[in-house]
Amino acid sequence: MIGPLRRWIARRLEHALTTSTTVRGIPVVVRNTRSDIATEDVLRRLDQSLGLIERYAPHHFRRLRRDFARIVIQRYACRGAYFPDQHTCLVELTFTVNSNFSPSQIAATILHEAMHARLHRSGFHLERADRARQERFCRRAEIEFGLAVPDGAPIVERAMATLQGSDEEVAPNIDPALAARRVAQADVDALRAPNWLKRVLARHQGFAD
């Protein structure tokens, strides 16, 4: 019974940490696994970011609901990602609320993933050997947006620096399983919970000894 009980506890906790809502007409799911982050702050920053796209890149904003079935905000190994099988834009949880990054920078990440969505819908697969070429296309959209918003200099600087790199630097190979394990371990360590519950979560995530 211990095994099923642990799984039940983990599922109940995961459900409790998940919030589903709509922001500016786009379905949003927040999986907040960090007790030091308020979901209200996550949604507020996302709303600000989408508002900037709506104001400074309305032609892109009008297409976002076609680009994405939903936006998911959760812990991840980089700022954002696009999952074509689910038509989902992922934005990293801690990046979303980090005061070192502006809502404009969050918006640029969302636009970057929207470009991936449009490429995929046009027949370009993310697994193909031209990933670096696709990344450069997405970075150019970031530059366009960075030039439009008042505080866009960091967006333009970062995108330009990336464009100057090699193909391997523009589209590096990342071990998603290893990255996910490291993120999950960090979140469990940061959780304000009894050690026994942390061990249950660690086993549920698959990285316990």
Protein backbone atom coordinates (compact mmCIF):
# COMPACT_ATOMS: atom_id res chain seq x y z
CA MET A 1 0.00 0.00 0.00
CA ILE A 2 2.92 2.37 0.57
CA GLY A 3 3.71 2.68 -3.13
CA PRO A 4 0.14 3.60 -4.20
CA LEU A 5 -0.16 5.93 -1.21
CA ARG A 6 2.99 7.77 -2.21
CA ARG A 7 1.77 8.11 -5.77
CA TRP A 8 -1.61 9.36 -4.54
CA ILE A 9 0.05 11.98 -2.33
CA ALA A 10 2.28 13.14 -5.19
CA ARG A 11 -0.68 13.40 -7.58
CA ARG A 12 -2.74 15.34 -5.04
CA LEU A 13 0.13 17.74 -4.42
CA GLU A 14 0.70 18.24 -8.14
CA HIS A 15 -3.01 19.02 -8.58
CA ALA A 16 -2.89 21.50 -5.70
CA LEU A 17 0.06 23.29 -7.30
CA THR A 18 -1.63 23.66 -10.71
CA THR A 19 -3.73 26.68 -11.71
CA SER A 20 -5.67 26.88 -14.97
CA THR A 21 -6.99 30.20 -16.26
CA THR A 22 -7.17 32.44 -19.33
CA VAL A 23 -4.98 35.49 -19.92
CA ARG A 24 -5.89 37.88 -22.76
CA GLY A 25 -7.86 35.12 -24.46
CA ILE A 26 -5.14 32.47 -24.24
CA PRO A 27 -5.54 29.37 -22.03
CA VAL A 28 -2.82 29.33 -19.37
CA VAL A 29 -1.67 26.61 -16.98
CA VAL A 30 0.69 27.44 -14.11
CA ARG A 31 2.44 24.54 -12.39
CA ASN A 32 3.93 26.33 -9.43
CA THR A 33 6.27 23.93 -7.66
CA ARG A 34 8.03 26.71 -5.78
CA SER A 35 6.70 27.74 -2.38
CA ASP A 36 8.66 31.01 -2.63
CA ILE A 37 6.75 32.11 -5.76
CA ALA A 38 3.18 33.43 -5.75
CA THR A 39 1.06 32.27 -8.67
CA GLU A 40 -0.63 35.68 -8.69
CA ASP A 41 2.75 37.28 -9.46
CA VAL A 42 3.32 34.79 -12.28
CA LEU A 43 -0.02 35.61 -13.89
CA ARG A 44 0.45 39.35 -13.41
CA ARG A 45 3.82 39.29 -15.18
CA LEU A 46 2.44 37.10 -17.97
CA ASP A 47 -0.43 39.54 -18.48
CA GLN A 48 2.03 42.44 -18.68
CA SER A 49 4.13 40.54 -21.22
CA LEU A 50 1.20 39.63 -23.43
CA GLY A 51 0.00 43.23 -23.16
CA LEU A 52 3.30 44.42 -24.58
CA ILE A 53 2.98 42.06 -27.53
CA GLU A 54 -0.58 43.29 -28.06
CA ARG A 55 0.59 46.92 -28.03
CA TYR A 56 3.92 46.80 -29.88
CA ALA A 57 3.45 43.76 -32.14
CA PRO A 58 -0.33 43.51 -32.70
CA HIS A 59 0.17 41.51 -35.90
CA HIS A 60 1.89 38.81 -33.84
CA PHE A 61 -0.57 39.02 -30.95
CA ARG A 62 -3.54 38.38 -33.24
CA ARG A 63 -1.97 35.08 -34.26
CA LEU A 64 -0.99 33.83 -30.80
CA ARG A 65 -4.25 31.97 -30.25
CA ARG A 66 -3.57 30.10 -33.48
CA ASP A 67 0.08 29.56 -32.58
CA PHE A 68 -0.61 28.01 -29.18
CA ALA A 69 -3.32 25.82 -27.73
CA ARG A 70 -2.09 27.00 -24.34
CA ILE A 71 0.79 28.61 -22.48
CA VAL A 72 2.23 26.52 -19.67
CA ILE A 73 4.39 28.12 -17.00
CA GLN A 74 6.50 25.72 -15.00
CA ARG A 75 10.07 24.94 -14.04
CA TYR A 76 12.29 24.13 -17.01
CA ALA A 77 15.93 24.07 -18.01
CA CYS A 78 15.73 27.21 -20.20
CA ARG A 79 13.59 30.32 -20.64
CA GLY A 80 11.07 28.81 -23.02
CA ALA A 81 10.19 25.96 -25.35
CA TYR A 82 7.60 24.93 -27.89
CA PHE A 83 6.07 21.44 -27.84
CA PRO A 84 4.56 20.82 -31.28
CA ASP A 85 2.70 17.62 -30.37
CA GLN A 86 0.71 19.60 -27.77
CA HIS A 87 0.81 23.00 -29.54
CA THR A 88 2.05 24.33 -26.21
CA CYS A 89 4.31 27.27 -25.39
CA LEU A 90 6.26 26.72 -22.19
CA VAL A 91 7.66 29.66 -20.23
CA GLU A 92 10.00 28.98 -17.33
CA LEU A 93 8.50 29.69 -13.91
CA THR A 94 11.40 31.42 -12.16
CA PHE A 95 12.28 33.42 -15.28
CA THR A 96 8.72 34.77 -15.35
CA VAL A 97 8.94 36.35 -11.88
CA ASN A 98 12.64 37.21 -11.79
CA SER A 99 12.88 40.99 -11.36
CA ASN A 100 16.19 40.96 -13.25
CA PHE A 101 14.15 40.32 -16.39
CA SER A 102 11.54 42.73 -17.70
CA PRO A 103 8.08 41.80 -19.01
CA SER A 104 9.46 42.77 -22.43
CA GLN A 105 12.06 40.02 -22.17
CA ILE A 106 9.38 37.50 -21.22
CA ALA A 107 7.33 38.71 -24.18
CA ALA A 108 10.32 38.20 -26.49
CA THR A 109 10.60 34.59 -25.33
CA ILE A 110 6.90 34.02 -26.04
CA LEU A 111 7.33 35.51 -29.52
CA HIS A 112 10.37 33.31 -30.11
CA GLU A 113 8.30 30.20 -29.38
CA ALA A 114 5.44 31.54 -31.52
CA MET A 115 7.86 31.61 -34.46
CA HIS A 116 8.70 27.96 -33.80
CA ALA A 117 4.98 27.20 -33.83
CA ARG A 118 4.52 28.93 -37.17
CA LEU A 119 7.50 27.16 -38.69
CA HIS A 120 6.20 23.82 -37.49
CA ARG A 121 2.74 24.52 -38.90
CA SER A 122 4.41 25.39 -42.22
CA GLY A 123 6.08 21.98 -42.36
CA PHE A 124 9.43 22.59 -40.67
CA HIS A 125 10.11 19.93 -38.03
CA LEU A 126 12.09 20.86 -34.95
CA GLU A 127 14.15 17.66 -35.15
CA ARG A 128 15.58 18.45 -38.56
CA ALA A 129 19.19 19.32 -39.20
CA ASP A 130 18.31 22.95 -39.94
CA ARG A 131 17.48 23.72 -36.29
CA ALA A 132 20.11 26.47 -36.22
CA ARG A 133 18.52 28.14 -39.22
CA GLN A 134 15.13 28.01 -37.49
CA GLU A 135 16.62 29.44 -34.29
CA ARG A 136 18.04 32.36 -36.23
CA PHE A 137 14.61 33.02 -37.75
CA CYS A 138 13.12 33.13 -34.24
CA ARG A 139 15.88 35.42 -32.95
CA ARG A 140 15.17 37.90 -35.73
CA ALA A 141 11.59 38.15 -34.50
CA GLU A 142 12.99 38.94 -31.05
CA ILE A 143 15.12 41.71 -32.55
CA GLU A 144 12.12 43.20 -34.35
CA PHE A 145 10.19 43.26 -31.07
CA GLY A 146 13.18 44.56 -29.09
CA LEU A 147 13.49 47.50 -31.44
CA ALA A 148 9.79 48.31 -30.99
CA VAL A 149 9.53 48.32 -27.17
CA PRO A 150 11.06 51.19 -25.14
CA ASP A 151 13.22 48.90 -22.96
CA GLY A 152 14.17 46.45 -25.66
CA ALA A 153 17.95 46.95 -25.72
CA PRO A 154 18.73 43.77 -23.69
CA ILE A 155 16.51 41.76 -26.04
CA VAL A 156 18.30 43.03 -29.12
CA GLU A 157 21.75 42.60 -27.56
CA ARG A 158 21.12 38.99 -26.54
CA ALA A 159 19.56 38.02 -29.87
CA MET A 160 22.34 39.66 -31.87
CA ALA A 161 24.99 37.88 -29.82
CA THR A 162 23.29 34.57 -30.48
CA LEU A 163 23.06 35.20 -34.22
CA GLN A 164 26.82 35.70 -34.35
CA GLY A 165 27.50 32.25 -32.88
CA SER A 166 28.13 28.97 -34.68
CA ASP A 167 25.30 26.58 -35.50
CA GLU A 168 26.20 24.51 -32.44
CA GLU A 169 26.03 27.60 -30.24
CA VAL A 170 22.78 28.82 -31.76
CA ALA A 171 21.06 25.44 -31.35
CA PRO A 172 22.99 23.47 -28.69
CA ASN A 173 22.20 19.86 -27.93
CA ILE A 174 20.68 19.53 -24.45
CA ASP A 175 19.95 16.29 -22.62
CA PRO A 176 16.31 16.96 -21.64
CA ALA A 177 16.15 14.08 -19.16
CA LEU A 178 19.23 15.23 -17.26
CA ALA A 179 18.07 18.85 -17.29
CA ALA A 180 14.62 17.86 -15.99
CA ARG A 181 16.16 15.82 -13.16
CA ARG A 182 18.31 18.74 -12.05
CA VAL A 183 15.38 21.16 -12.11
CA ALA A 184 13.12 18.74 -10.22
CA GLN A 185 15.78 18.07 -7.61
CA ALA A 186 16.32 21.81 -7.05
CA ASP A 187 12.57 22.33 -6.61
CA VAL A 188 12.20 19.51 -4.13
CA ASP A 189 15.17 20.84 -2.17
CA ALA A 190 13.59 24.32 -2.08
CA LEU A 191 10.15 23.06 -1.07
CA ARG A 192 8.94 24.03 2.39
CA ALA A 193 7.79 20.57 3.36
CA PRO A 194 8.74 17.72 5.74
CA ASN A 195 11.65 15.58 4.66
CA TRP A 196 9.42 12.52 4.29
CA LEU A 197 7.28 14.37 1.75
CA LYS A 198 10.36 15.53 -0.13
CA ARG A 199 11.46 11.89 -0.36
CA VAL A 200 8.04 10.90 -1.70
CA LEU A 201 8.22 13.62 -4.34
CA ALA A 202 11.79 12.68 -5.24
CA ARG A 203 10.74 9.08 -5.87
CA HIS A 204 7.70 10.25 -7.84
CA GLN A 205 9.96 12.40 -10.02
CA GLY A 206 12.32 9.46 -10.48
CA PHE A 207 15.55 10.93 -9.15
CA ALA A 208 15.69 9.52 -5.61
CA ASP A 209 18.51 7.17 -4.68
